[in-house]
């Protein structure tokens, strides 16, 4: 089950031995000393670090105890930290669960990377500017899997990063991206450039609520989709949302809550590469949990 870290270790040992016996491992062609520790070992140690909220020094000791019975040497904590940002991390998307038409929900959230303590800020006011990174997510509606993510500075607009997010999603989904029929986002995604990109690249429809503007010549709602504007002006935006089933987009916010609940909203790594790896590992673990242990409801 989810808490069986020794079972997870046994699965990791298979991946570690497979990498050690691979052709790439035995034929070191690049300059410098060959790798002593496989990427699979560094990855499983990083997974333990996220699940149990350990420091690099703490996870070194934890992993040493877990892998001692398998006869696997564990790197020191500085090596783990240095190698983390170089890992190629897969989101572990189960494509078997991506059936039929795909509805991709897009949104973003922030992770705090450092700042003054909460108590000091409360007592003495803000003395140092808080620094955040912004994570842009693409989530499949039916399977609730994270199918794409990008990491930017906190000032990067959702509409500006949406194209990069969808490119990353297409790379992760492969041929399954041909099944995308709708991309859903909040009002920040309602731009003509993004609407054109979604239609031309995926043959899909962008569903994003038009913005409310003061009435000018009878116009109350304006946005990239003239059909949506006219419908909102006629029946109101709330009814339009019901008609296009826009409310299913709220599941992407639920997904972000599910990620922050076990892992928190603060990044502990300091370098940009390690922060991206840390965020991707969180998403990978959440996808595994979603695919294996998400409750399934059936009609009585």
C-alpha atoms as a PDB file:
ATOM      1  CA  UNK A   1       0.000   0.000   0.000  1.00  0.00           C
ATOM      2  CA  UNK A   2       0.976   3.687   0.095  1.00  0.00           C
ATOM      3  CA  UNK A   3       2.907   3.405   3.371  1.00  0.00           C
ATOM      4  CA  UNK A   4       4.919   0.282   2.471  1.00  0.00           C
ATOM      5  CA  UNK A   5       8.281   1.923   1.818  1.00  0.00           C
ATOM      6  CA  UNK A   6      10.101  -1.442   1.820  1.00  0.00           C
ATOM      7  CA  UNK A   7       7.869  -2.700  -0.972  1.00  0.00           C
ATOM      8  CA  UNK A   8       8.716   0.489  -2.849  1.00  0.00           C
ATOM      9  CA  UNK A   9      12.404  -0.225  -2.203  1.00  0.00           C
ATOM     10  CA  UNK A  10      12.140  -3.718  -3.702  1.00  0.00           C
ATOM     11  CA  UNK A  11      10.597  -2.254  -6.861  1.00  0.00           C
ATOM     12  CA  UNK A  12      13.361   0.355  -6.985  1.00  0.00           C
ATOM     13  CA  UNK A  13      16.067  -2.317  -6.671  1.00  0.00           C
ATOM     14  CA  UNK A  14      14.820  -3.905  -9.901  1.00  0.00           C
ATOM     15  CA  UNK A  15      15.114  -0.565 -11.719  1.00  0.00           C
ATOM     16  CA  UNK A  16      18.570   0.047 -10.194  1.00  0.00           C
ATOM     17  CA  UNK A  17      19.906  -3.356 -11.303  1.00  0.00           C
ATOM     18  CA  UNK A  18      18.402  -2.900 -14.758  1.00  0.00           C
ATOM     19  CA  UNK A  19      20.194   0.449 -15.159  1.00  0.00           C
ATOM     20  CA  UNK A  20      23.499  -0.953 -13.907  1.00  0.00           C
ATOM     21  CA  UNK A  21      23.371  -3.797 -16.434  1.00  0.00           C
ATOM     22  CA  UNK A  22      22.332  -1.543 -19.329  1.00  0.00           C
ATOM     23  CA  UNK A  23      24.603  -0.791 -22.266  1.00  0.00           C
ATOM     24  CA  UNK A  24      24.732   2.933 -21.446  1.00  0.00           C
ATOM     25  CA  UNK A  25      26.044   2.179 -17.952  1.00  0.00           C
ATOM     26  CA  UNK A  26      28.767  -0.249 -19.119  1.00  0.00           C
ATOM     27  CA  UNK A  27      29.960   1.892 -22.024  1.00  0.00           C
ATOM     28  CA  UNK A  28      30.906   5.239 -20.575  1.00  0.00           C
ATOM     29  CA  UNK A  29      31.931   7.452 -23.480  1.00  0.00           C
ATOM     30  CA  UNK A  30      31.723  11.000 -22.084  1.00  0.00           C
ATOM     31  CA  UNK A  31      34.588  12.778 -20.353  1.00  0.00           C
ATOM     32  CA  UNK A  32      34.997  12.552 -16.600  1.00  0.00           C
ATOM     33  CA  UNK A  33      34.572   9.870 -13.990  1.00  0.00           C
ATOM     34  CA  UNK A  34      31.749   7.353 -14.605  1.00  0.00           C
ATOM     35  CA  UNK A  35      28.636   7.572 -12.445  1.00  0.00           C
ATOM     36  CA  UNK A  36      28.847   5.555  -9.256  1.00  0.00           C
ATOM     37  CA  UNK A  37      25.177   5.801  -8.312  1.00  0.00           C
ATOM     38  CA  UNK A  38      22.365   5.047 -10.814  1.00  0.00           C
ATOM     39  CA  UNK A  39      19.699   7.652 -11.554  1.00  0.00           C
ATOM     40  CA  UNK A  40      17.052   5.182 -10.363  1.00  0.00           C
ATOM     41  CA  UNK A  41      18.649   5.184  -6.902  1.00  0.00           C
ATOM     42  CA  UNK A  42      18.765   8.984  -6.728  1.00  0.00           C
ATOM     43  CA  UNK A  43      15.126   9.152  -7.839  1.00  0.00           C
ATOM     44  CA  UNK A  44      13.809   6.733  -5.225  1.00  0.00           C
ATOM     45  CA  UNK A  45      15.731   8.585  -2.516  1.00  0.00           C
ATOM     46  CA  UNK A  46      14.152  11.854  -3.737  1.00  0.00           C
ATOM     47  CA  UNK A  47      10.715  10.183  -3.623  1.00  0.00           C
ATOM     48  CA  UNK A  48      11.304   9.142   0.002  1.00  0.00           C
ATOM     49  CA  UNK A  49      12.362  12.709   0.762  1.00  0.00           C
ATOM     50  CA  UNK A  50       9.068  14.111  -0.548  1.00  0.00           C
ATOM     51  CA  UNK A  51       6.776  11.480   0.974  1.00  0.00           C
ATOM     52  CA  UNK A  52       8.255  11.723   4.465  1.00  0.00           C
ATOM     53  CA  UNK A  53       9.255  15.415   4.370  1.00  0.00           C
ATOM     54  CA  UNK A  54      12.931  14.721   5.123  1.00  0.00           C
ATOM     55  CA  UNK A  55      16.011  16.859   4.603  1.00  0.00           C
ATOM     56  CA  UNK A  56      18.814  15.673   2.320  1.00  0.00           C
ATOM     57  CA  UNK A  57      20.885  14.690   5.340  1.00  0.00           C
ATOM     58  CA  UNK A  58      17.889  12.946   6.910  1.00  0.00           C
ATOM     59  CA  UNK A  59      16.935  10.982   3.800  1.00  0.00           C
ATOM     60  CA  UNK A  60      20.524   9.753   3.479  1.00  0.00           C
ATOM     61  CA  UNK A  61      20.255   7.966   6.818  1.00  0.00           C
ATOM     62  CA  UNK A  62      16.730   6.743   6.081  1.00  0.00           C
ATOM     63  CA  UNK A  63      17.714   5.273   2.711  1.00  0.00           C
ATOM     64  CA  UNK A  64      20.820   3.643   4.216  1.00  0.00           C
ATOM     65  CA  UNK A  65      18.617   1.684   6.609  1.00  0.00           C
ATOM     66  CA  UNK A  66      16.107   0.722   3.911  1.00  0.00           C
ATOM     67  CA  UNK A  67      18.642  -0.432   1.285  1.00  0.00           C
ATOM     68  CA  UNK A  68      21.099  -2.024   3.716  1.00  0.00           C
ATOM     69  CA  UNK A  69      19.422  -5.434   3.337  1.00  0.00           C
ATOM     70  CA  UNK A  70      19.818  -5.214  -0.459  1.00  0.00           C
ATOM     71  CA  UNK A  71      23.550  -4.469  -0.269  1.00  0.00           C
ATOM     72  CA  UNK A  72      23.195  -1.120  -2.075  1.00  0.00           C
ATOM     73  CA  UNK A  73      25.506   1.746  -1.132  1.00  0.00           C
ATOM     74  CA  UNK A  74      23.789   5.086  -0.588  1.00  0.00           C
ATOM     75  CA  UNK A  75      25.415   8.366  -1.707  1.00  0.00           C
ATOM     76  CA  UNK A  76      26.053  11.159   0.775  1.00  0.00           C
ATOM     77  CA  UNK A  77      23.490  13.955   1.060  1.00  0.00           C
ATOM     78  CA  UNK A  78      25.537  16.451  -0.978  1.00  0.00           C
ATOM     79  CA  UNK A  79      25.705  14.013  -3.893  1.00  0.00           C
ATOM     80  CA  UNK A  80      21.950  13.463  -3.704  1.00  0.00           C
ATOM     81  CA  UNK A  81      21.355  17.213  -3.833  1.00  0.00           C
ATOM     82  CA  UNK A  82      23.786  17.706  -6.717  1.00  0.00           C
ATOM     83  CA  UNK A  83      22.354  14.866  -8.807  1.00  0.00           C
ATOM     84  CA  UNK A  84      18.693  15.734  -8.197  1.00  0.00           C
ATOM     85  CA  UNK A  85      18.503  18.558 -10.736  1.00  0.00           C
ATOM     86  CA  UNK A  86      20.007  16.365 -13.484  1.00  0.00           C
ATOM     87  CA  UNK A  87      17.384  13.626 -13.307  1.00  0.00           C
ATOM     88  CA  UNK A  88      15.009  12.978 -16.191  1.00  0.00           C
ATOM     89  CA  UNK A  89      11.718  12.566 -14.342  1.00  0.00           C
ATOM     90  CA  UNK A  90       8.676  11.033 -15.972  1.00  0.00           C
ATOM     91  CA  UNK A  91       5.188  11.994 -14.775  1.00  0.00           C
ATOM     92  CA  UNK A  92       4.100   8.316 -14.901  1.00  0.00           C
ATOM     93  CA  UNK A  93       0.998   9.033 -16.967  1.00  0.00           C
ATOM     94  CA  UNK A  94      -1.121   5.905 -17.383  1.00  0.00           C
ATOM     95  CA  UNK A  95      -2.224   6.290 -21.008  1.00  0.00           C
ATOM     96  CA  UNK A  96      -4.583   3.332 -20.656  1.00  0.00           C
ATOM     97  CA  UNK A  97      -6.839   5.594 -18.598  1.00  0.00           C
ATOM     98  CA  UNK A  98      -6.910   8.273 -21.308  1.00  0.00           C
ATOM     99  CA  UNK A  99      -9.936   6.984 -23.168  1.00  0.00           C
ATOM    100  CA  UNK A 100     -12.181   8.803 -25.634  1.00  0.00           C
ATOM    101  CA  UNK A 101     -12.200  12.572 -25.952  1.00  0.00           C
ATOM    102  CA  UNK A 102      -9.769  14.432 -23.703  1.00  0.00           C
ATOM    103  CA  UNK A 103     -10.697  17.592 -21.819  1.00  0.00           C
ATOM    104  CA  UNK A 104      -7.555  19.357 -20.625  1.00  0.00           C
ATOM    105  CA  UNK A 105      -7.915  21.733 -17.666  1.00  0.00           C
ATOM    106  CA  UNK A 106      -5.249  24.405 -17.220  1.00  0.00           C
ATOM    107  CA  UNK A 107      -4.432  26.509 -14.192  1.00  0.00           C
ATOM    108  CA  UNK A 108      -1.501  27.681 -12.084  1.00  0.00           C
ATOM    109  CA  UNK A 109      -0.486  27.892  -8.457  1.00  0.00           C
ATOM    110  CA  UNK A 110       2.418  29.254  -6.445  1.00  0.00           C
ATOM    111  CA  UNK A 111       5.068  27.658  -4.244  1.00  0.00           C
ATOM    112  CA  UNK A 112       6.958  29.664  -1.661  1.00  0.00           C
ATOM    113  CA  UNK A 113      10.727  29.188  -1.903  1.00  0.00           C
ATOM    114  CA  UNK A 114      11.914  31.432   0.883  1.00  0.00           C
ATOM    115  CA  UNK A 115      10.814  34.375   3.009  1.00  0.00           C
ATOM    116  CA  UNK A 116      10.621  35.756   6.505  1.00  0.00           C
ATOM    117  CA  UNK A 117       9.005  33.603   9.184  1.00  0.00           C
ATOM    118  CA  UNK A 118       5.266  33.831   9.670  1.00  0.00           C
ATOM    119  CA  UNK A 119       5.575  34.826  13.342  1.00  0.00           C
ATOM    120  CA  UNK A 120       8.157  37.528  12.674  1.00  0.00           C
ATOM    121  CA  UNK A 121       6.029  38.918   9.843  1.00  0.00           C
ATOM    122  CA  UNK A 122       2.953  38.954  12.075  1.00  0.00           C
ATOM    123  CA  UNK A 123       4.763  40.729  14.932  1.00  0.00           C
ATOM    124  CA  UNK A 124       6.955  43.163  13.034  1.00  0.00           C
ATOM    125  CA  UNK A 125       5.417  43.462   9.572  1.00  0.00           C
ATOM    126  CA  UNK A 126       6.910  42.438   6.292  1.00  0.00           C
ATOM    127  CA  UNK A 127      10.651  42.988   6.323  1.00  0.00           C
ATOM    128  CA  UNK A 128      11.642  41.010   3.254  1.00  0.00           C
ATOM    129  CA  UNK A 129       9.907  40.419  -0.041  1.00  0.00           C
ATOM    130  CA  UNK A 130       8.448  36.914  -0.317  1.00  0.00           C
ATOM    131  CA  UNK A 131       9.686  34.975  -3.335  1.00  0.00           C
ATOM    132  CA  UNK A 132       7.508  32.437  -5.133  1.00  0.00           C
ATOM    133  CA  UNK A 133       7.709  30.233  -8.185  1.00  0.00           C
ATOM    134  CA  UNK A 134       4.682  29.666 -10.364  1.00  0.00           C
ATOM    135  CA  UNK A 135       3.698  26.188 -11.510  1.00  0.00           C
ATOM    136  CA  UNK A 136       1.386  25.817 -14.503  1.00  0.00           C
ATOM    137  CA  UNK A 137      -0.564  22.539 -14.599  1.00  0.00           C
ATOM    138  CA  UNK A 138      -2.487  20.699 -17.305  1.00  0.00           C
ATOM    139  CA  UNK A 139      -4.838  18.031 -15.902  1.00  0.00           C
ATOM    140  CA  UNK A 140      -6.957  15.481 -17.749  1.00  0.00           C
ATOM    141  CA  UNK A 141     -10.584  15.755 -16.633  1.00  0.00           C
ATOM    142  CA  UNK A 142     -11.603  12.085 -16.759  1.00  0.00           C
ATOM    143  CA  UNK A 143      -8.519  10.443 -15.217  1.00  0.00           C
ATOM    144  CA  UNK A 144      -7.464  13.460 -13.088  1.00  0.00           C
ATOM    145  CA  UNK A 145      -3.842  12.854 -14.025  1.00  0.00           C
ATOM    146  CA  UNK A 146      -1.347  15.685 -14.341  1.00  0.00           C
ATOM    147  CA  UNK A 147      -0.384  15.466 -18.015  1.00  0.00           C
ATOM    148  CA  UNK A 148       1.843  18.525 -18.228  1.00  0.00           C
ATOM    149  CA  UNK A 149       3.531  21.166 -16.113  1.00  0.00           C
ATOM    150  CA  UNK A 150       5.910  24.074 -16.502  1.00  0.00           C
ATOM    151  CA  UNK A 151       7.664  26.199 -13.889  1.00  0.00           C
ATOM    152  CA  UNK A 152       8.135  29.962 -14.267  1.00  0.00           C
ATOM    153  CA  UNK A 153       8.714  33.072 -12.212  1.00  0.00           C
ATOM    154  CA  UNK A 154       5.693  34.315 -10.267  1.00  0.00           C
ATOM    155  CA  UNK A 155       5.057  37.252 -12.631  1.00  0.00           C
ATOM    156  CA  UNK A 156       4.602  35.086 -15.722  1.00  0.00           C
ATOM    157  CA  UNK A 157       1.009  35.355 -16.970  1.00  0.00           C
ATOM    158  CA  UNK A 158      -1.096  32.230 -17.445  1.00  0.00           C
ATOM    159  CA  UNK A 159      -2.013  33.168 -21.020  1.00  0.00           C
ATOM    160  CA  UNK A 160       1.645  33.747 -21.938  1.00  0.00           C
ATOM    161  CA  UNK A 161       2.760  30.358 -20.584  1.00  0.00           C
ATOM    162  CA  UNK A 162      -0.257  28.390 -21.867  1.00  0.00           C
ATOM    163  CA  UNK A 163       1.328  27.608 -25.226  1.00  0.00           C
ATOM    164  CA  UNK A 164       4.461  26.161 -23.583  1.00  0.00           C
ATOM    165  CA  UNK A 165       2.252  24.173 -21.204  1.00  0.00           C
ATOM    166  CA  UNK A 166       0.266  22.675 -24.082  1.00  0.00           C
ATOM    167  CA  UNK A 167       3.471  21.818 -25.965  1.00  0.00           C
ATOM    168  CA  UNK A 168       4.745  19.976 -22.897  1.00  0.00           C
ATOM    169  CA  UNK A 169       1.381  18.212 -22.621  1.00  0.00           C
ATOM    170  CA  UNK A 170       1.507  17.139 -26.258  1.00  0.00           C
ATOM    171  CA  UNK A 171       5.018  15.733 -25.779  1.00  0.00           C
ATOM    172  CA  UNK A 172       3.892  13.738 -22.732  1.00  0.00           C
ATOM    173  CA  UNK A 173       0.706  12.393 -24.333  1.00  0.00           C
ATOM    174  CA  UNK A 174       2.157  11.504 -27.718  1.00  0.00           C
ATOM    175  CA  UNK A 175      -0.541  10.224 -30.099  1.00  0.00           C
ATOM    176  CA  UNK A 176      -3.163  10.653 -27.366  1.00  0.00           C
ATOM    177  CA  UNK A 177      -2.958  14.426 -27.875  1.00  0.00           C
ATOM    178  CA  UNK A 178      -4.975  13.954 -31.084  1.00  0.00           C
ATOM    179  CA  UNK A 179      -7.977  13.200 -28.842  1.00  0.00           C
ATOM    180  CA  UNK A 180      -7.980  16.625 -27.171  1.00  0.00           C
ATOM    181  CA  UNK A 181     -11.305  18.327 -27.905  1.00  0.00           C
ATOM    182  CA  UNK A 182     -11.397  21.081 -25.285  1.00  0.00           C
ATOM    183  CA  UNK A 183      -8.923  23.155 -23.297  1.00  0.00           C
ATOM    184  CA  UNK A 184     -10.538  24.750 -20.259  1.00  0.00           C
ATOM    185  CA  UNK A 185      -9.118  27.703 -18.351  1.00  0.00           C
ATOM    186  CA  UNK A 186     -10.240  30.676 -16.324  1.00  0.00           C
ATOM    187  CA  UNK A 187     -10.576  34.205 -17.672  1.00  0.00           C
ATOM    188  CA  UNK A 188      -6.807  34.680 -17.838  1.00  0.00           C
ATOM    189  CA  UNK A 189      -6.660  32.257 -20.795  1.00  0.00           C
ATOM    190  CA  UNK A 190      -9.245  34.149 -22.843  1.00  0.00           C
ATOM    191  CA  UNK A 191      -7.029  35.595 -25.572  1.00  0.00           C
ATOM    192  CA  UNK A 192      -7.284  35.514 -29.350  1.00  0.00           C
ATOM    193  CA  UNK A 193      -3.716  34.236 -29.720  1.00  0.00           C
ATOM    194  CA  UNK A 194      -4.322  31.243 -27.464  1.00  0.00           C
ATOM    195  CA  UNK A 195      -7.706  30.493 -29.058  1.00  0.00           C
ATOM    196  CA  UNK A 196      -6.068  30.447 -32.493  1.00  0.00           C
ATOM    197  CA  UNK A 197      -3.230  28.208 -31.265  1.00  0.00           C
ATOM    198  CA  UNK A 198      -5.586  25.659 -29.673  1.00  0.00           C
ATOM    199  CA  UNK A 199      -7.761  25.474 -32.792  1.00  0.00           C
ATOM    200  CA  UNK A 200      -4.878  25.202 -35.273  1.00  0.00           C
ATOM    201  CA  UNK A 201      -2.563  22.915 -33.288  1.00  0.00           C
ATOM    202  CA  UNK A 202      -5.092  20.538 -31.736  1.00  0.00           C
ATOM    203  CA  UNK A 203      -8.331  21.140 -33.625  1.00  0.00           C
ATOM    204  CA  UNK A 204      -9.824  21.749 -30.183  1.00  0.00           C
ATOM    205  CA  UNK A 205     -11.957  24.445 -28.626  1.00  0.00           C
ATOM    206  CA  UNK A 206     -10.803  26.886 -25.958  1.00  0.00           C
ATOM    207  CA  UNK A 207     -13.385  27.231 -23.184  1.00  0.00           C
ATOM    208  CA  UNK A 208     -12.698  30.360 -21.152  1.00  0.00           C
ATOM    209  CA  UNK A 209     -15.261  32.803 -19.718  1.00  0.00           C
ATOM    210  CA  UNK A 210     -15.369  36.258 -21.332  1.00  0.00           C
ATOM    211  CA  UNK A 211     -14.563  39.271 -19.233  1.00  0.00           C
ATOM    212  CA  UNK A 212     -17.172  41.657 -17.875  1.00  0.00           C
ATOM    213  CA  UNK A 213     -16.873  45.218 -19.166  1.00  0.00           C
ATOM    214  CA  UNK A 214     -19.082  48.256 -18.628  1.00  0.00           C
ATOM    215  CA  UNK A 215     -21.823  48.413 -21.215  1.00  0.00           C
ATOM    216  CA  UNK A 216     -20.700  50.205 -24.356  1.00  0.00           C
ATOM    217  CA  UNK A 217     -23.008  50.158 -27.353  1.00  0.00           C
ATOM    218  CA  UNK A 218     -24.910  47.263 -25.816  1.00  0.00           C
ATOM    219  CA  UNK A 219     -21.852  45.077 -25.124  1.00  0.00           C
ATOM    220  CA  UNK A 220     -21.324  43.701 -21.617  1.00  0.00           C
ATOM    221  CA  UNK A 221     -19.078  40.693 -22.147  1.00  0.00           C
ATOM    222  CA  UNK A 222     -15.995  40.741 -24.355  1.00  0.00           C
ATOM    223  CA  UNK A 223     -13.483  37.999 -25.117  1.00  0.00           C
ATOM    224  CA  UNK A 224     -11.741  36.006 -27.826  1.00  0.00           C
ATOM    225  CA  UNK A 225     -14.822  33.908 -28.709  1.00  0.00           C
ATOM    226  CA  UNK A 226     -17.535  36.054 -30.291  1.00  0.00           C
ATOM    227  CA  UNK A 227     -20.085  33.228 -30.011  1.00  0.00           C
ATOM    228  CA  UNK A 228     -19.512  32.980 -26.256  1.00  0.00           C
ATOM    229  CA  UNK A 229     -19.728  36.768 -25.944  1.00  0.00           C
ATOM    230  CA  UNK A 230     -23.097  36.870 -27.671  1.00  0.00           C
ATOM    231  CA  UNK A 231     -24.457  33.998 -25.604  1.00  0.00           C
ATOM    232  CA  UNK A 232     -23.291  35.562 -22.339  1.00  0.00           C
ATOM    233  CA  UNK A 233     -24.820  38.894 -23.308  1.00  0.00           C
ATOM    234  CA  UNK A 234     -28.108  37.122 -24.016  1.00  0.00           C
ATOM    235  CA  UNK A 235     -28.484  34.669 -21.099  1.00  0.00           C
ATOM    236  CA  UNK A 236     -25.740  35.681 -18.655  1.00  0.00           C
ATOM    237  CA  UNK A 237     -22.398  34.109 -17.881  1.00  0.00           C
ATOM    238  CA  UNK A 238     -23.707  31.713 -15.215  1.00  0.00           C
ATOM    239  CA  UNK A 239     -26.100  30.032 -17.628  1.00  0.00           C
ATOM    240  CA  UNK A 240     -23.410  29.965 -20.328  1.00  0.00           C
ATOM    241  CA  UNK A 241     -21.111  28.097 -17.928  1.00  0.00           C
ATOM    242  CA  UNK A 242     -23.818  25.503 -17.346  1.00  0.00           C
ATOM    243  CA  UNK A 243     -24.430  25.120 -21.075  1.00  0.00           C
ATOM    244  CA  UNK A 244     -20.756  24.477 -21.913  1.00  0.00           C
ATOM    245  CA  UNK A 245     -20.152  22.459 -18.716  1.00  0.00           C
ATOM    246  CA  UNK A 246     -17.424  24.887 -17.697  1.00  0.00           C
ATOM    247  CA  UNK A 247     -17.674  23.960 -14.011  1.00  0.00           C
ATOM    248  CA  UNK A 248     -15.710  20.744 -14.536  1.00  0.00           C
ATOM    249  CA  UNK A 249     -12.634  22.990 -14.698  1.00  0.00           C
ATOM    250  CA  UNK A 250     -12.809  23.285 -10.895  1.00  0.00           C
ATOM    251  CA  UNK A 251     -11.278  19.792 -10.691  1.00  0.00           C
ATOM    252  CA  UNK A 252      -7.881  21.247 -11.611  1.00  0.00           C
ATOM    253  CA  UNK A 253      -8.003  23.337  -8.429  1.00  0.00           C
ATOM    254  CA  UNK A 254      -8.978  20.200  -6.494  1.00  0.00           C
ATOM    255  CA  UNK A 255      -5.948  18.492  -7.987  1.00  0.00           C
ATOM    256  CA  UNK A 256      -3.624  21.267  -6.812  1.00  0.00           C
ATOM    257  CA  UNK A 257      -5.144  21.003  -3.326  1.00  0.00           C
ATOM    258  CA  UNK A 258      -4.508  17.244  -3.395  1.00  0.00           C
ATOM    259  CA  UNK A 259      -0.850  17.897  -4.208  1.00  0.00           C
ATOM    260  CA  UNK A 260      -0.281  20.549  -1.564  1.00  0.00           C
ATOM    261  CA  UNK A 261      -2.063  18.623   1.200  1.00  0.00           C
ATOM    262  CA  UNK A 262       0.602  15.910   1.605  1.00  0.00           C
ATOM    263  CA  UNK A 263       3.617  17.893   0.386  1.00  0.00           C
ATOM    264  CA  UNK A 264       2.929  21.467   1.551  1.00  0.00           C
ATOM    265  CA  UNK A 265       3.157  24.747  -0.354  1.00  0.00           C
ATOM    266  CA  UNK A 266       6.858  25.443   0.246  1.00  0.00           C
ATOM    267  CA  UNK A 267       9.872  24.290  -1.777  1.00  0.00           C
ATOM    268  CA  UNK A 268      12.939  23.327   0.212  1.00  0.00           C
ATOM    269  CA  UNK A 269      15.457  23.270  -2.648  1.00  0.00           C
ATOM    270  CA  UNK A 270      17.388  26.435  -3.449  1.00  0.00           C
ATOM    271  CA  UNK A 271      18.590  25.984  -7.049  1.00  0.00           C
ATOM    272  CA  UNK A 272      16.222  26.357  -9.987  1.00  0.00           C
ATOM    273  CA  UNK A 273      17.009  22.899 -11.392  1.00  0.00           C
ATOM    274  CA  UNK A 274      16.343  21.204  -8.061  1.00  0.00           C
ATOM    275  CA  UNK A 275      13.118  23.159  -7.564  1.00  0.00           C
ATOM    276  CA  UNK A 276      11.810  21.963 -10.938  1.00  0.00           C
ATOM    277  CA  UNK A 277      12.809  18.398 -10.048  1.00  0.00           C
ATOM    278  CA  UNK A 278      11.118  18.700  -6.650  1.00  0.00           C
ATOM    279  CA  UNK A 279       7.860  19.919  -8.216  1.00  0.00           C
ATOM    280  CA  UNK A 280       7.935  17.226 -10.913  1.00  0.00           C
ATOM    281  CA  UNK A 281       8.497  14.478  -8.325  1.00  0.00           C
ATOM    282  CA  UNK A 282       5.480  15.708  -6.359  1.00  0.00           C
ATOM    283  CA  UNK A 283       3.359  15.518  -9.528  1.00  0.00           C
ATOM    284  CA  UNK A 284       4.750  12.070 -10.373  1.00  0.00           C
ATOM    285  CA  UNK A 285       3.880  10.699  -6.925  1.00  0.00           C
ATOM    286  CA  UNK A 286       0.384  12.203  -7.111  1.00  0.00           C
ATOM    287  CA  UNK A 287      -0.191  10.562 -10.513  1.00  0.00           C
ATOM    288  CA  UNK A 288       0.868   7.184  -9.128  1.00  0.00           C
ATOM    289  CA  UNK A 289      -1.477   7.587  -6.156  1.00  0.00           C
ATOM    290  CA  UNK A 290      -4.290   8.717  -8.466  1.00  0.00           C
ATOM    291  CA  UNK A 291      -3.883   5.753 -10.807  1.00  0.00           C
ATOM    292  CA  UNK A 292      -3.596   3.121  -8.067  1.00  0.00           C
ATOM    293  CA  UNK A 293      -5.700   4.347  -5.145  1.00  0.00           C
ATOM    294  CA  UNK A 294      -8.233   6.870  -6.435  1.00  0.00           C
ATOM    295  CA  UNK A 295     -11.686   5.782  -5.131  1.00  0.00           C
ATOM    296  CA  UNK A 296     -13.995   4.478  -7.848  1.00  0.00           C
ATOM    297  CA  UNK A 297     -17.707   5.114  -7.443  1.00  0.00           C
ATOM    298  CA  UNK A 298     -20.347   2.890  -8.998  1.00  0.00           C
ATOM    299  CA  UNK A 299     -24.107   3.284  -9.105  1.00  0.00           C
ATOM    300  CA  UNK A 300     -25.908   1.171  -6.487  1.00  0.00           C
END
